[in-house]
C-alpha atoms as a PDB file:
ATOM      1  CA  UNK A   1     268.694 180.572 304.404  1.00  0.00           C
ATOM      2  CA  UNK A   2     269.992 179.494 301.022  1.00  0.00           C
ATOM      3  CA  UNK A   3     271.732 182.145 298.973  1.00  0.00           C
ATOM      4  CA  UNK A   4     270.591 182.534 295.398  1.00  0.00           C
ATOM      5  CA  UNK A   5     272.237 184.054 292.413  1.00  0.00           C
ATOM      6  CA  UNK A   6     270.930 187.261 290.918  1.00  0.00           C
ATOM      7  CA  UNK A   7     269.365 185.297 288.046  1.00  0.00           C
ATOM      8  CA  UNK A   8     267.589 182.932 290.445  1.00  0.00           C
ATOM      9  CA  UNK A   9     266.367 185.844 292.530  1.00  0.00           C
ATOM     10  CA  UNK A  10     264.938 187.581 289.445  1.00  0.00           C
ATOM     11  CA  UNK A  11     263.263 184.364 288.299  1.00  0.00           C
ATOM     12  CA  UNK A  12     261.674 183.830 291.720  1.00  0.00           C
ATOM     13  CA  UNK A  13     260.601 187.496 291.827  1.00  0.00           C
ATOM     14  CA  UNK A  14     259.010 187.282 288.361  1.00  0.00           C
ATOM     15  CA  UNK A  15     257.122 184.083 289.259  1.00  0.00           C
ATOM     16  CA  UNK A  16     255.729 185.742 292.387  1.00  0.00           C
ATOM     17  CA  UNK A  17     254.679 188.874 290.463  1.00  0.00           C
ATOM     18  CA  UNK A  18     252.964 186.709 287.819  1.00  0.00           C
ATOM     19  CA  UNK A  19     251.025 184.865 290.540  1.00  0.00           C
ATOM     20  CA  UNK A  20     249.921 188.191 292.035  1.00  0.00           C
ATOM     21  CA  UNK A  21     248.902 189.480 288.601  1.00  0.00           C
ATOM     22  CA  UNK A  22     246.913 186.313 287.897  1.00  0.00           C
ATOM     23  CA  UNK A  23     245.096 186.686 291.221  1.00  0.00           C
ATOM     24  CA  UNK A  24     244.175 190.279 290.397  1.00  0.00           C
ATOM     25  CA  UNK A  25     242.874 189.274 286.948  1.00  0.00           C
ATOM     26  CA  UNK A  26     240.764 186.509 288.488  1.00  0.00           C
ATOM     27  CA  UNK A  27     239.349 188.888 291.090  1.00  0.00           C
ATOM     28  CA  UNK A  28     238.395 191.567 288.560  1.00  0.00           C
ATOM     29  CA  UNK A  29     235.084 190.037 287.360  1.00  0.00           C
ATOM     30  CA  UNK A  30     233.855 189.710 290.928  1.00  0.00           C
ATOM     31  CA  UNK A  31     234.730 193.347 291.582  1.00  0.00           C
ATOM     32  CA  UNK A  32     232.328 194.728 288.953  1.00  0.00           C
ATOM     33  CA  UNK A  33     229.127 193.836 290.878  1.00  0.00           C
ATOM     34  CA  UNK A  34     230.724 195.239 294.039  1.00  0.00           C
ATOM     35  CA  UNK A  35     231.547 198.520 292.300  1.00  0.00           C
ATOM     36  CA  UNK A  36     228.020 198.801 290.892  1.00  0.00           C
ATOM     37  CA  UNK A  37     226.564 197.926 294.308  1.00  0.00           C
ATOM     38  CA  UNK A  38     228.683 200.595 295.984  1.00  0.00           C
ATOM     39  CA  UNK A  39     227.453 203.117 293.416  1.00  0.00           C
ATOM     40  CA  UNK A  40     223.823 202.215 294.139  1.00  0.00           C
ATOM     41  CA  UNK A  41     224.294 202.405 297.913  1.00  0.00           C
ATOM     42  CA  UNK A  42     226.095 205.748 297.631  1.00  0.00           C
ATOM     43  CA  UNK A  43     223.405 207.293 295.438  1.00  0.00           C
ATOM     44  CA  UNK A  44     220.569 206.012 297.639  1.00  0.00           C
ATOM     45  CA  UNK A  45     222.309 207.208 300.821  1.00  0.00           C
ATOM     46  CA  UNK A  46     222.628 210.668 299.251  1.00  0.00           C
ATOM     47  CA  UNK A  47     218.902 210.655 298.396  1.00  0.00           C
ATOM     48  CA  UNK A  48     219.717 210.862 294.705  1.00  0.00           C
ATOM     49  CA  UNK A  49     217.418 209.397 292.118  1.00  0.00           C
ATOM     50  CA  UNK A  50     218.616 205.968 291.037  1.00  0.00           C
ATOM     51  CA  UNK A  51     218.787 206.017 287.243  1.00  0.00           C
ATOM     52  CA  UNK A  52     221.168 204.670 284.650  1.00  0.00           C
ATOM     53  CA  UNK A  53     222.308 208.228 284.023  1.00  0.00           C
ATOM     54  CA  UNK A  54     223.044 208.877 287.704  1.00  0.00           C
ATOM     55  CA  UNK A  55     224.987 205.598 287.920  1.00  0.00           C
ATOM     56  CA  UNK A  56     226.990 206.522 284.822  1.00  0.00           C
ATOM     57  CA  UNK A  57     227.721 209.983 286.256  1.00  0.00           C
ATOM     58  CA  UNK A  58     228.802 208.475 289.575  1.00  0.00           C
ATOM     59  CA  UNK A  59     231.120 205.970 287.870  1.00  0.00           C
ATOM     60  CA  UNK A  60     232.593 208.635 285.586  1.00  0.00           C
ATOM     61  CA  UNK A  61     233.416 210.631 288.717  1.00  0.00           C
ATOM     62  CA  UNK A  62     234.965 207.549 290.328  1.00  0.00           C
ATOM     63  CA  UNK A  63     237.134 206.938 287.257  1.00  0.00           C
ATOM     64  CA  UNK A  64     238.480 210.480 287.620  1.00  0.00           C
ATOM     65  CA  UNK A  65     239.028 210.097 291.374  1.00  0.00           C
ATOM     66  CA  UNK A  66     240.879 206.788 291.048  1.00  0.00           C
ATOM     67  CA  UNK A  67     243.143 207.696 288.135  1.00  0.00           C
ATOM     68  CA  UNK A  68     246.467 205.956 288.321  1.00  0.00           C
ATOM     69  CA  UNK A  69     245.520 203.139 290.656  1.00  0.00           C
ATOM     70  CA  UNK A  70     244.064 199.669 290.268  1.00  0.00           C
ATOM     71  CA  UNK A  71     240.520 200.775 291.029  1.00  0.00           C
ATOM     72  CA  UNK A  72     240.538 203.017 287.974  1.00  0.00           C
ATOM     73  CA  UNK A  73     240.472 200.061 285.583  1.00  0.00           C
ATOM     74  CA  UNK A  74     237.712 198.330 287.552  1.00  0.00           C
ATOM     75  CA  UNK A  75     235.656 201.527 287.694  1.00  0.00           C
ATOM     76  CA  UNK A  76     236.253 202.054 283.981  1.00  0.00           C
ATOM     77  CA  UNK A  77     235.181 198.459 283.229  1.00  0.00           C
ATOM     78  CA  UNK A  78     232.020 198.819 285.335  1.00  0.00           C
ATOM     79  CA  UNK A  79     231.267 202.110 283.597  1.00  0.00           C
ATOM     80  CA  UNK A  80     231.700 200.573 280.149  1.00  0.00           C
ATOM     81  CA  UNK A  81     229.529 197.590 281.103  1.00  0.00           C
ATOM     82  CA  UNK A  82     226.792 199.941 282.272  1.00  0.00           C
ATOM     83  CA  UNK A  83     227.041 202.090 279.135  1.00  0.00           C
ATOM     84  CA  UNK A  84     226.984 199.021 276.886  1.00  0.00           C
ATOM     85  CA  UNK A  85     223.951 197.565 278.632  1.00  0.00           C
ATOM     86  CA  UNK A  86     222.117 200.908 278.473  1.00  0.00           C
ATOM     87  CA  UNK A  87     222.769 201.600 274.803  1.00  0.00           C
ATOM     88  CA  UNK A  88     220.212 200.415 272.249  1.00  0.00           C
ATOM     89  CA  UNK A  89     221.326 197.472 270.162  1.00  0.00           C
END
């Protein structure tokens, strides 16, 4: 195994982290439908009425439950999308 200097190690590390970050950003749009689908399935399985308001309430709860991790931003984005689509123009 080739030894690298500290500068080379940091450069390699930063490139890898950037690749991982790019992958997460690319995956985010596909996560929104999954999050909304999970909300629908959860509400239906709990015999709750499926309304925009119940979806918003569920997602607000999920935002609180996932604070501080990656899912929080996806839940927050799904919540905002739902609120924006429900609000009159």
